[in-house]
Amino acid sequence: MSATTGPAGAGRGPGTWRQRSAVVGLTGALMGLIYGYDQGAISGAILYIKHQYHLSTFMQEVVTSAVVAGMVVGALIAGRVANAIGRKRTMIVICLGYAVFAICSGIPVGLGWLIAVRFLLGMAIGLSVVGVPLFIAESVPPSIRGRMVIVYQISTTTGILVAYFVDLGFAGSKDWEAMLAMSAVASFVALAVVAPLPDTPRWYMMKGRREEALTVLRRSEEEDLVQAEMAQLEEDLSYQDKTGFLGLFRRPFTRAAIFALGLGFLVQITGINAIVYYSPTILQQVGFKTATGAIVGTVILQAAAIAVELVAFAIVDRVGRRPVILGGIATMVVADALLLSVYANGHFVGLVAALAFTGFMLFHMGYSFGFGSLGWVYASETFPARLRSSGAAAQLTMNNLANLIVALFYLSAVQRLGGVGTWALLGSLAIIAFAFVFKLAPEAKGRRLEEIRAYWDNGAKWPDAAEAASPMASGTTQPLS
């Protein structure tokens, strides 16, 4: 078959949809790596920042949560930015923001400068957590979409692990500035990969650029599915849905909005970033004697999280979304119960210290297998094309608000409520999360994005027509309606 040309050199030929999927996966991996690094680097750096600036517990929380506050703002504007300038250009802005603000965080001007720059870095991250999964979901076939979005999460977790290793490497010199600035290197690499790519077919269609959409689609789909995908895109975009936050609650998508926003909040309020941001500090509280030893323990926790994400990657498009996410949340509930019991004992030596570390590991692994792997997938799949960027932005805004609560108050909560009260609260929230996901989460394995729109349009049930039309519907687990 002869090649054709199109935007950014897009063409088609044998295997080109696989090649494009690989490039999109690499792009997501690089972006996730940077995001994870910028999330994790503070956990080691704060051990030395607090001594240099003589920080109280509350001010440690302010420095840590400045990024999260920026993420809230970035996620709020991400939908409009992604719709206005495109998914690809949004990612270019993200790469530049990552690079500039990471470098600036490593310039020791003063505490106010550090907080302000970390806020701006957070805005870039907020754009990223909406824009990157959106770009991936709209660029690859449904048969691998779940795995490709999970690649982003695996890379994010790997980035956190890399940050812990870098923190460990600079622990001897206490060079927290280098810990924070190192992610700029990967940001420039990601920029070089993103720059030649075209935008997504769905964004071109939203802008009325049908020929460009068709050309790019031929590089992101198997040839025999291209025309069917174009027809489904046109049908989906013919809906005159309102964009923006209020448009998310317009019938028939009210239930989808409740699910997406509730999931976004529960993913973070259950407490994962207490471990990501403060794990060396927490491990020192439960028996690790030195900062270096606590960072080593943190590395082990993160490595275990990556291992279970690889398992989720391998099985999600075979066993489905629901078994994976529910299994992960159930593991978090067990871990919360274990941590509650060891904090009730209160003497972190010997077996009790080992059980505390085991509890943190189980919690981290449960989160990474379930919420961590599938949160991004649901964020990118839930809404139709005209609402997808706004919906993903709203979901991730709720996610970031919960993240801000955890980052800003976890250390204070432990001081005021004690470990028992804190983990009892987090355990209760995990039980609520399990019930919420069990009731509302659809099983979208192998479904096209436009079919998922039809699911919510039909009162959270798969329409018979969509079922029959799906080339991959056979073997798909039916969700609770």
Protein backbone atom coordinates (compact mmCIF):
# COMPACT_ATOMS: atom_id res chain seq x y z
CA MET A 1 0.00 0.00 0.00
CA SER A 2 1.45 3.36 -0.98
CA ALA A 3 2.16 5.95 1.65
CA THR A 4 0.31 9.21 2.03
CA THR A 5 1.42 12.35 3.74
CA GLY A 6 -0.26 14.57 6.26
CA PRO A 7 0.35 16.59 9.36
CA ALA A 8 3.80 16.37 10.83
CA GLY A 9 4.84 13.76 8.32
CA ALA A 10 1.99 11.40 9.15
CA GLY A 11 1.67 8.62 6.66
CA ARG A 12 0.46 5.07 6.51
CA GLY A 13 1.81 1.75 5.49
CA PRO A 14 2.33 -1.72 6.90
CA GLY A 15 2.81 -1.57 10.64
CA THR A 16 2.66 2.24 10.92
CA TRP A 17 -0.18 2.17 13.49
CA ARG A 18 2.03 -0.02 15.67
CA GLN A 19 4.96 2.34 15.22
CA ARG A 20 2.87 5.36 16.16
CA SER A 21 1.49 3.55 19.19
CA ALA A 22 5.06 2.81 20.28
CA VAL A 23 6.07 6.47 19.91
CA VAL A 24 2.97 7.60 21.82
CA GLY A 25 3.80 5.08 24.54
CA LEU A 26 7.38 6.41 24.71
CA THR A 27 6.05 9.96 24.97
CA GLY A 28 3.76 9.00 27.83
CA ALA A 29 6.59 7.14 29.54
CA LEU A 30 8.91 10.15 29.43
CA MET A 31 6.23 12.53 30.66
CA GLY A 32 5.28 10.17 33.47
CA LEU A 33 8.94 9.79 34.45
CA ILE A 34 9.33 13.55 34.84
CA TYR A 35 6.05 13.92 36.71
CA GLY A 36 6.99 11.13 39.10
CA TYR A 37 10.45 12.55 39.69
CA ASP A 38 9.07 15.97 40.55
CA GLN A 39 6.59 14.34 42.95
CA GLY A 40 9.15 12.14 44.69
CA ALA A 41 12.22 14.37 44.93
CA ILE A 42 10.79 16.46 47.75
CA SER A 43 10.57 13.47 50.12
CA GLY A 44 14.35 13.32 50.50
CA ALA A 45 14.99 17.02 49.95
CA ILE A 46 12.64 18.09 52.75
CA LEU A 47 14.87 16.29 55.29
CA TYR A 48 17.56 18.88 54.55
CA ILE A 49 15.38 21.88 53.62
CA LYS A 50 13.74 21.79 57.07
CA HIS A 51 17.15 22.09 58.75
CA GLN A 52 18.46 24.82 56.44
CA TYR A 53 15.36 27.00 56.92
CA HIS A 54 14.47 25.78 60.45
CA LEU A 55 10.98 24.73 59.36
CA SER A 56 8.12 23.85 61.68
CA THR A 57 5.93 20.84 60.88
CA PHE A 58 3.38 23.15 59.25
CA MET A 59 5.99 24.89 57.09
CA GLN A 60 7.31 21.51 55.94
CA GLU A 61 3.76 20.79 54.80
CA VAL A 62 3.58 24.18 53.03
CA VAL A 63 6.82 23.57 51.09
CA THR A 64 5.68 20.07 50.15
CA SER A 65 2.12 21.05 49.22
CA ALA A 66 3.07 24.13 47.15
CA VAL A 67 3.40 21.84 44.12
CA VAL A 68 -0.01 20.33 44.84
CA ALA A 69 -1.64 23.77 45.09
CA GLY A 70 -0.18 24.55 41.67
CA MET A 71 -1.50 21.24 40.37
CA VAL A 72 -5.04 22.27 41.33
CA VAL A 73 -4.74 25.45 39.26
CA GLY A 74 -3.07 23.64 36.35
CA ALA A 75 -5.75 20.94 36.24
CA LEU A 76 -8.51 23.59 36.35
CA ILE A 77 -7.24 25.26 33.18
CA ALA A 78 -5.96 22.12 31.45
CA GLY A 79 -9.21 21.28 29.66
CA ARG A 80 -9.50 24.72 28.07
CA VAL A 81 -5.81 24.77 27.15
CA ALA A 82 -5.95 21.29 25.57
CA ASN A 83 -9.05 22.21 23.56
CA ALA A 84 -7.74 25.60 22.48
CA ILE A 85 -4.16 24.85 21.41
CA GLY A 86 -4.34 21.06 21.00
CA ARG A 87 -3.14 18.05 22.92
CA LYS A 88 0.36 18.07 21.39
CA ARG A 89 1.05 21.79 21.96
CA THR A 90 -0.18 21.40 25.53
CA MET A 91 2.48 18.75 26.05
CA ILE A 92 5.15 21.06 24.63
CA VAL A 93 4.10 23.72 27.15
CA ILE A 94 4.30 21.06 29.88
CA CYS A 95 7.84 20.02 28.87
CA LEU A 96 9.05 23.62 28.91
CA GLY A 97 7.38 24.27 32.26
CA TYR A 98 8.92 21.17 33.77
CA ALA A 99 12.40 22.16 32.59
CA VAL A 100 12.34 25.84 33.58
CA PHE A 101 10.74 25.45 36.99
CA ALA A 102 12.80 22.39 37.95
CA ILE A 103 15.98 24.38 37.28
CA CYS A 104 14.59 27.34 39.24
CA SER A 105 13.74 25.09 42.23
CA GLY A 106 17.44 24.25 42.50
CA ILE A 107 18.47 27.90 42.80
CA PRO A 108 18.75 28.62 46.57
CA VAL A 109 17.39 32.19 46.64
CA GLY A 110 15.25 31.73 49.74
CA LEU A 111 12.22 29.98 51.18
CA GLY A 112 9.68 32.29 49.48
CA TRP A 113 11.33 31.71 46.10
CA LEU A 114 11.29 27.94 46.63
CA ILE A 115 7.57 27.91 47.51
CA ALA A 116 6.67 30.15 44.54
CA VAL A 117 8.68 28.14 42.02
CA ARG A 118 7.27 24.85 43.32
CA PHE A 119 3.77 26.30 42.86
CA LEU A 120 4.56 27.10 39.20
CA LEU A 121 6.06 23.63 38.73
CA GLY A 122 2.79 22.28 40.12
CA MET A 123 0.85 24.15 37.45
CA ALA A 124 2.88 22.35 34.79
CA ILE A 125 2.17 19.04 36.54
CA GLY A 126 -1.55 19.89 36.67
CA LEU A 127 -1.56 20.37 32.91
CA SER A 128 0.32 17.09 32.56
CA VAL A 129 -1.98 14.87 34.60
CA VAL A 130 -4.86 15.91 32.33
CA GLY A 131 -3.13 16.37 28.99
CA VAL A 132 -0.87 13.32 28.82
CA PRO A 133 -3.47 10.57 29.48
CA LEU A 134 -5.83 12.43 27.15
CA PHE A 135 -3.23 12.44 24.37
CA ILE A 136 -2.48 8.74 24.86
CA ALA A 137 -6.14 7.66 25.01
CA GLU A 138 -6.96 9.54 21.80
CA SER A 139 -3.91 8.26 19.92
CA VAL A 140 -3.93 4.46 20.26
CA PRO A 141 -6.39 1.62 19.43
CA PRO A 142 -8.79 0.44 22.17
CA SER A 143 -7.15 -3.00 22.28
CA ILE A 144 -4.04 -1.47 23.90
CA ARG A 145 -5.41 1.78 25.34
CA GLY A 146 -5.56 0.49 28.93
CA ARG A 147 -1.97 -0.71 28.80
CA MET A 148 -0.70 2.50 27.20
CA VAL A 149 -2.28 4.68 29.88
CA ILE A 150 -0.88 2.34 32.56
CA VAL A 151 2.57 2.82 30.96
CA TYR A 152 2.18 6.47 31.99
CA GLN A 153 1.46 5.41 35.58
CA ILE A 154 4.31 2.89 35.64
CA SER A 155 6.65 5.61 34.40
CA THR A 156 5.32 8.00 37.04
CA THR A 157 6.07 5.46 39.76
CA THR A 158 9.48 4.78 38.18
CA GLY A 159 10.15 8.52 38.21
CA ILE A 160 9.43 8.61 41.94
CA LEU A 161 11.86 5.70 42.41
CA VAL A 162 14.52 7.49 40.35
CA ALA A 163 14.01 10.56 42.54
CA TYR A 164 14.59 8.46 45.65
CA PHE A 165 17.83 7.08 44.18
CA VAL A 166 18.96 10.62 43.31
CA ASP A 167 18.04 11.74 46.84
CA LEU A 168 20.10 8.85 48.16
CA GLY A 169 23.03 9.82 45.94
CA PHE A 170 23.02 13.40 47.21
CA ALA A 171 22.24 12.48 50.83
CA GLY A 172 25.93 12.59 51.79
CA SER A 173 26.37 16.15 50.50
CA LYS A 174 22.86 17.21 51.62
CA ASP A 175 22.51 18.92 48.22
CA TRP A 176 18.72 19.28 48.11
CA GLU A 177 19.01 21.83 45.28
CA ALA A 178 20.43 19.16 42.94
CA MET A 179 17.74 16.71 44.06
CA LEU A 180 15.02 19.10 42.87
CA ALA A 181 16.70 20.32 39.66
CA MET A 182 17.74 17.03 38.03
CA SER A 183 14.40 16.39 36.26
CA ALA A 184 15.16 19.20 33.79
CA VAL A 185 17.38 16.78 31.82
CA ALA A 186 14.52 14.38 31.07
CA SER A 187 12.23 17.33 30.27
CA PHE A 188 14.39 18.36 27.31
CA VAL A 189 14.51 14.75 26.07
CA ALA A 190 10.70 14.55 26.23
CA LEU A 191 10.42 17.83 24.33
CA ALA A 192 12.52 16.42 21.50
CA VAL A 193 10.24 13.35 21.26
CA VAL A 194 6.96 15.29 21.43
CA ALA A 195 7.81 18.08 18.99
CA PRO A 196 7.62 16.05 15.71
CA LEU A 197 4.31 14.34 16.57
CA PRO A 198 0.95 15.37 15.07
CA ASP A 199 -2.05 16.08 17.25
CA THR A 200 -4.80 13.52 17.88
CA PRO A 201 -7.52 12.67 15.32
CA ARG A 202 -10.23 13.69 17.79
CA TRP A 203 -8.77 17.16 18.27
CA TYR A 204 -8.46 17.68 14.51
CA MET A 205 -12.10 16.64 14.14
CA MET A 206 -13.18 19.00 16.92
CA LYS A 207 -11.55 21.80 14.91
CA GLY A 208 -13.19 20.71 11.62
CA ARG A 209 -9.92 19.45 10.11
CA ARG A 210 -11.26 16.16 8.79
CA GLU A 211 -8.50 15.31 6.30
CA GLU A 212 -5.79 15.77 8.90
CA ALA A 213 -7.80 13.62 11.32
CA LEU A 214 -8.13 10.87 8.70
CA THR A 215 -4.41 10.97 7.89
CA VAL A 216 -3.36 10.70 11.52
CA LEU A 217 -5.97 8.04 12.24
CA ARG A 218 -4.41 5.85 9.58
CA ARG A 219 -1.26 5.89 11.67
CA SER A 220 -3.00 5.13 14.96
CA GLU A 221 -5.52 2.44 13.89
CA GLU A 222 -5.47 -0.78 11.96
CA GLU A 223 -6.54 0.03 8.37
CA ASP A 224 -9.74 -2.02 8.42
CA LEU A 225 -11.01 -0.03 11.42
CA VAL A 226 -10.23 3.50 10.16
CA GLN A 227 -13.52 4.26 8.41
CA ALA A 228 -15.59 2.86 11.27
CA GLU A 229 -13.62 4.97 13.72
CA MET A 230 -14.15 8.11 11.60
CA ALA A 231 -17.90 7.45 11.50
CA GLN A 232 -18.02 7.00 15.28
CA LEU A 233 -16.01 10.18 15.79
CA GLU A 234 -18.37 12.17 13.59
CA GLU A 235 -21.40 10.80 15.39
CA ASP A 236 -19.90 11.56 18.78
CA LEU A 237 -18.91 15.09 17.82
CA SER A 238 -22.38 15.78 16.40
CA TYR A 239 -23.69 15.94 19.97
CA GLN A 240 -23.93 19.60 20.94
CA ASP A 241 -22.77 19.03 24.49
CA LYS A 242 -21.70 22.00 26.55
CA THR A 243 -18.09 22.14 27.57
CA GLY A 244 -16.85 23.31 30.92
CA PHE A 245 -17.65 22.18 34.44
CA LEU A 246 -21.43 22.75 34.36
CA GLY A 247 -21.70 20.90 31.05
CA LEU A 248 -20.43 17.77 32.78
CA PHE A 249 -23.63 17.54 34.81
CA ARG A 250 -25.97 17.91 31.87
CA ARG A 251 -28.07 14.81 31.27
CA PRO A 252 -27.37 12.09 30.27
CA PHE A 253 -23.85 12.43 31.70
CA THR A 254 -24.74 13.34 35.29
CA ARG A 255 -23.89 9.84 36.53
CA ALA A 256 -20.62 9.87 34.59
CA ALA A 257 -19.69 13.19 36.21
CA ILE A 258 -20.50 11.90 39.70
CA PHE A 259 -18.39 8.81 39.07
CA ALA A 260 -15.42 10.66 37.57
CA LEU A 261 -15.27 13.43 40.17
CA GLY A 262 -15.88 11.06 43.08
CA LEU A 263 -13.19 8.69 41.82
CA GLY A 264 -10.75 11.55 41.37
CA PHE A 265 -11.23 12.64 44.98
CA LEU A 266 -11.10 9.14 46.48
CA VAL A 267 -7.90 8.20 44.62
CA GLN A 268 -5.98 10.75 46.70
CA ILE A 269 -7.95 11.26 49.91
CA THR A 270 -7.24 7.61 50.83
CA GLY A 271 -3.69 8.75 51.58
CA ILE A 272 -1.13 7.55 49.04
CA ASN A 273 0.79 10.80 48.83
CA ALA A 274 1.36 10.80 52.56
CA ILE A 275 3.81 8.01 51.71
CA VAL A 276 5.10 9.54 48.46
CA TYR A 277 5.85 12.95 50.02
CA TYR A 278 6.78 11.95 53.56
CA SER A 279 7.93 8.32 53.51
CA PRO A 280 11.49 8.99 54.78
CA THR A 281 10.00 11.09 57.59
CA ILE A 282 7.37 8.41 58.35
CA LEU A 283 9.94 5.60 58.31
CA GLN A 284 12.12 7.50 60.77
CA GLN A 285 9.10 7.63 63.08
CA VAL A 286 8.65 3.83 62.95
CA GLY A 287 12.19 2.66 63.60
CA PHE A 288 14.58 3.78 60.81
CA LYS A 289 17.40 5.55 62.61
CA THR A 290 19.07 7.65 59.89
CA ALA A 291 17.96 9.77 56.94
CA THR A 292 19.93 7.54 54.57
CA GLY A 293 18.32 4.38 55.97
CA ALA A 294 14.86 5.93 55.66
CA ILE A 295 15.51 6.82 52.02
CA VAL A 296 16.69 3.24 51.35
CA GLY A 297 13.42 1.97 52.87
CA THR A 298 11.52 4.37 50.64
CA VAL A 299 13.32 2.97 47.58
CA ILE A 300 12.17 -0.53 48.53
CA LEU A 301 8.54 0.63 48.89
CA GLN A 302 8.63 2.26 45.47
CA ALA A 303 10.23 -0.76 43.78
CA ALA A 304 7.42 -2.96 45.11
CA ALA A 305 4.87 -0.50 43.72
CA ILE A 306 6.43 -0.67 40.26
CA ALA A 307 6.36 -4.48 40.35
CA VAL A 308 2.59 -4.61 40.90
CA GLU A 309 1.99 -1.94 38.25
CA LEU A 310 3.77 -4.19 35.77
CA VAL A 311 1.34 -6.94 36.73
CA ALA A 312 -1.60 -4.56 36.19
CA PHE A 313 -0.14 -3.60 32.81
CA ALA A 314 0.03 -7.25 31.79
CA ILE A 315 -3.53 -8.18 32.77
CA VAL A 316 -5.76 -5.09 32.53
CA ASP A 317 -6.76 -5.52 28.88
CA ARG A 318 -7.42 -9.24 29.49
CA VAL A 319 -9.20 -9.42 32.84
CA GLY A 320 -10.72 -5.94 32.72
CA ARG A 321 -10.65 -2.71 34.72
CA ARG A 322 -12.98 -3.64 37.59
CA PRO A 323 -11.13 -6.70 39.00
CA VAL A 324 -7.85 -4.77 38.99
CA ILE A 325 -9.06 -1.59 40.68
CA LEU A 326 -11.24 -3.41 43.25
CA GLY A 327 -8.43 -5.82 44.11
CA GLY A 328 -6.08 -2.91 44.71
CA ILE A 329 -8.51 -1.04 46.99
CA ALA A 330 -9.21 -4.21 49.01
CA THR A 331 -5.45 -4.55 49.60
CA MET A 332 -5.34 -0.95 50.84
CA VAL A 333 -8.10 -1.74 53.37
CA VAL A 334 -6.07 -4.70 54.71
CA ALA A 335 -2.95 -2.51 54.94
CA ASP A 336 -4.85 0.22 56.79
CA ALA A 337 -6.02 -2.35 59.35
CA LEU A 338 -2.45 -3.61 59.83
CA LEU A 339 -1.05 -0.09 60.27
CA LEU A 340 -3.80 0.78 62.74
CA SER A 341 -2.85 -2.24 64.86
CA VAL A 342 0.89 -1.53 64.87
CA TYR A 343 0.36 2.13 65.75
CA ALA A 344 -1.89 0.95 68.59
CA ASN A 345 1.09 -1.05 69.91
CA GLY A 346 3.25 2.06 69.77
CA HIS A 347 6.67 0.42 70.26
CA PHE A 348 8.38 0.34 66.87
CA VAL A 349 11.11 -2.21 67.50
CA GLY A 350 11.68 -5.73 66.25
CA LEU A 351 8.59 -7.45 64.87
CA VAL A 352 6.35 -4.40 65.31
CA ALA A 353 8.72 -2.24 63.23
CA ALA A 354 8.80 -4.95 60.56
CA LEU A 355 4.99 -5.13 60.54
CA ALA A 356 4.80 -1.33 60.19
CA PHE A 357 7.07 -1.45 57.15
CA THR A 358 5.02 -4.35 55.74
CA GLY A 359 1.84 -2.31 56.21
CA PHE A 360 3.27 0.65 54.32
CA MET A 361 4.43 -1.67 51.54
CA LEU A 362 1.01 -3.36 51.23
CA PHE A 363 -0.70 0.02 51.18
CA HIS A 364 1.61 1.32 48.45
CA MET A 365 1.29 -1.88 46.41
CA GLY A 366 -2.52 -1.94 46.71
CA TYR A 367 -2.77 1.67 45.61
CA SER A 368 -0.38 1.21 42.70
CA PHE A 369 -2.13 -1.93 41.45
CA GLY A 370 -5.64 -0.43 41.63
CA PHE A 371 -6.12 3.32 41.91
CA GLY A 372 -2.66 4.19 40.62
CA SER A 373 -2.94 2.10 37.46
CA LEU A 374 -6.64 2.59 36.68
CA GLY A 375 -7.30 6.16 37.84
CA TRP A 376 -5.65 7.55 34.71
CA VAL A 377 -7.50 5.06 32.51
CA TYR A 378 -10.92 6.06 33.83
CA ALA A 379 -9.96 9.75 33.65
CA SER A 380 -9.28 9.38 29.92
CA GLU A 381 -12.21 7.07 29.07
CA THR A 382 -15.27 8.37 30.90
CA PHE A 383 -16.47 11.33 28.81
CA PRO A 384 -17.31 11.91 25.11
CA ALA A 385 -14.96 13.86 22.86
CA ARG A 386 -16.45 17.31 23.46
CA LEU A 387 -16.39 16.79 27.21
CA ARG A 388 -13.29 14.61 27.50
CA SER A 389 -10.72 17.28 28.24
CA SER A 390 -13.07 19.21 30.56
CA GLY A 391 -14.12 15.99 32.27
CA ALA A 392 -10.56 14.79 32.74
CA ALA A 393 -9.60 18.25 34.04
CA ALA A 394 -12.48 18.24 36.54
CA GLN A 395 -11.63 14.74 37.73
CA LEU A 396 -7.97 15.55 38.19
CA THR A 397 -8.87 18.83 39.91
CA MET A 398 -10.80 16.84 42.51
CA ASN A 399 -7.82 14.49 42.68
CA ASN A 400 -5.48 17.39 43.33
CA LEU A 401 -7.74 18.98 45.95
CA ALA A 402 -7.67 15.72 47.90
CA ASN A 403 -3.91 15.52 47.31
CA LEU A 404 -3.54 19.05 48.73
CA ILE A 405 -5.47 18.06 51.87
CA VAL A 406 -3.20 15.04 52.42
CA ALA A 407 0.03 16.94 51.71
CA LEU A 408 -0.95 19.92 53.84
CA PHE A 409 -2.31 18.11 56.89
CA TYR A 410 -0.92 14.55 57.14
CA LEU A 411 2.01 15.31 59.47
CA SER A 412 -0.21 17.53 61.60
CA ALA A 413 -2.92 14.85 61.69
CA VAL A 414 -0.45 12.29 63.03
CA GLN A 415 0.59 14.76 65.74
CA ARG A 416 -3.01 15.57 66.75
CA LEU A 417 -4.89 12.30 66.10
CA GLY A 418 -2.00 9.90 66.57
CA GLY A 419 -1.19 7.06 64.20
CA VAL A 420 -4.23 5.08 65.31
CA GLY A 421 -6.70 7.89 64.58
CA THR A 422 -5.03 8.80 61.30
CA TRP A 423 -5.00 5.26 59.89
CA ALA A 424 -8.50 4.53 61.18
CA LEU A 425 -9.68 7.56 59.19
CA LEU A 426 -7.77 6.50 56.06
CA GLY A 427 -9.09 2.93 56.41
CA SER A 428 -12.68 4.20 56.59
CA LEU A 429 -12.11 6.25 53.45
CA ALA A 430 -10.70 3.18 51.65
CA ILE A 431 -13.85 1.20 52.53
CA ILE A 432 -16.01 4.02 51.15
CA ALA A 433 -13.85 4.02 48.00
CA PHE A 434 -14.35 0.28 47.50
CA ALA A 435 -18.15 0.60 47.78
CA PHE A 436 -18.17 3.60 45.42
CA VAL A 437 -16.12 1.89 42.72
CA PHE A 438 -18.02 -1.40 43.07
CA LYS A 439 -21.31 0.41 42.48
CA LEU A 440 -20.40 2.84 39.71
CA ALA A 441 -17.27 1.80 37.78
CA PRO A 442 -18.02 0.44 34.28
CA GLU A 443 -16.05 -2.37 32.65
CA ALA A 444 -14.70 -0.72 29.50
CA LYS A 445 -12.24 -3.42 28.43
CA GLY A 446 -11.88 -3.39 24.62
CA ARG A 447 -14.51 -0.66 24.16
CA ARG A 448 -14.03 2.28 21.83
CA LEU A 449 -14.21 5.70 23.43
CA GLU A 450 -17.42 6.48 21.53
CA GLU A 451 -19.03 3.28 22.88
CA ILE A 452 -18.27 4.43 26.41
CA ARG A 453 -20.18 7.64 25.64
CA ALA A 454 -23.12 5.48 24.60
CA TYR A 455 -22.90 3.57 27.89
CA TRP A 456 -23.47 6.70 29.96
CA ASP A 457 -26.00 7.99 27.43
CA ASN A 458 -28.01 4.81 28.02
CA GLY A 459 -28.29 5.17 31.78
CA ALA A 460 -25.02 3.35 32.62
CA LYS A 461 -25.92 0.27 30.56
CA TRP A 462 -24.31 -0.98 27.36
CA PRO A 463 -26.80 -0.43 24.50
CA ASP A 464 -27.51 -3.53 22.42
CA ALA A 465 -26.51 -1.69 19.24
CA ALA A 466 -23.17 -0.64 20.64
CA GLU A 467 -22.64 -4.17 21.93
CA ALA A 468 -23.24 -5.66 18.50
CA ALA A 469 -21.15 -3.03 16.73
CA SER A 470 -18.08 -3.49 18.88
CA PRO A 471 -15.50 -5.69 17.13
CA MET A 472 -14.01 -6.52 20.52
CA ALA A 473 -17.16 -6.82 22.62
CA SER A 474 -17.01 -10.56 22.97
CA GLY A 475 -15.77 -11.61 26.37
CA THR A 476 -16.24 -8.16 27.91
CA THR A 477 -17.40 -8.27 31.52
CA GLN A 478 -20.70 -6.44 32.03
CA PRO A 479 -20.68 -3.75 34.72
CA LEU A 480 -23.22 -3.21 37.41
CA SER A 481 -25.89 -0.82 36.17
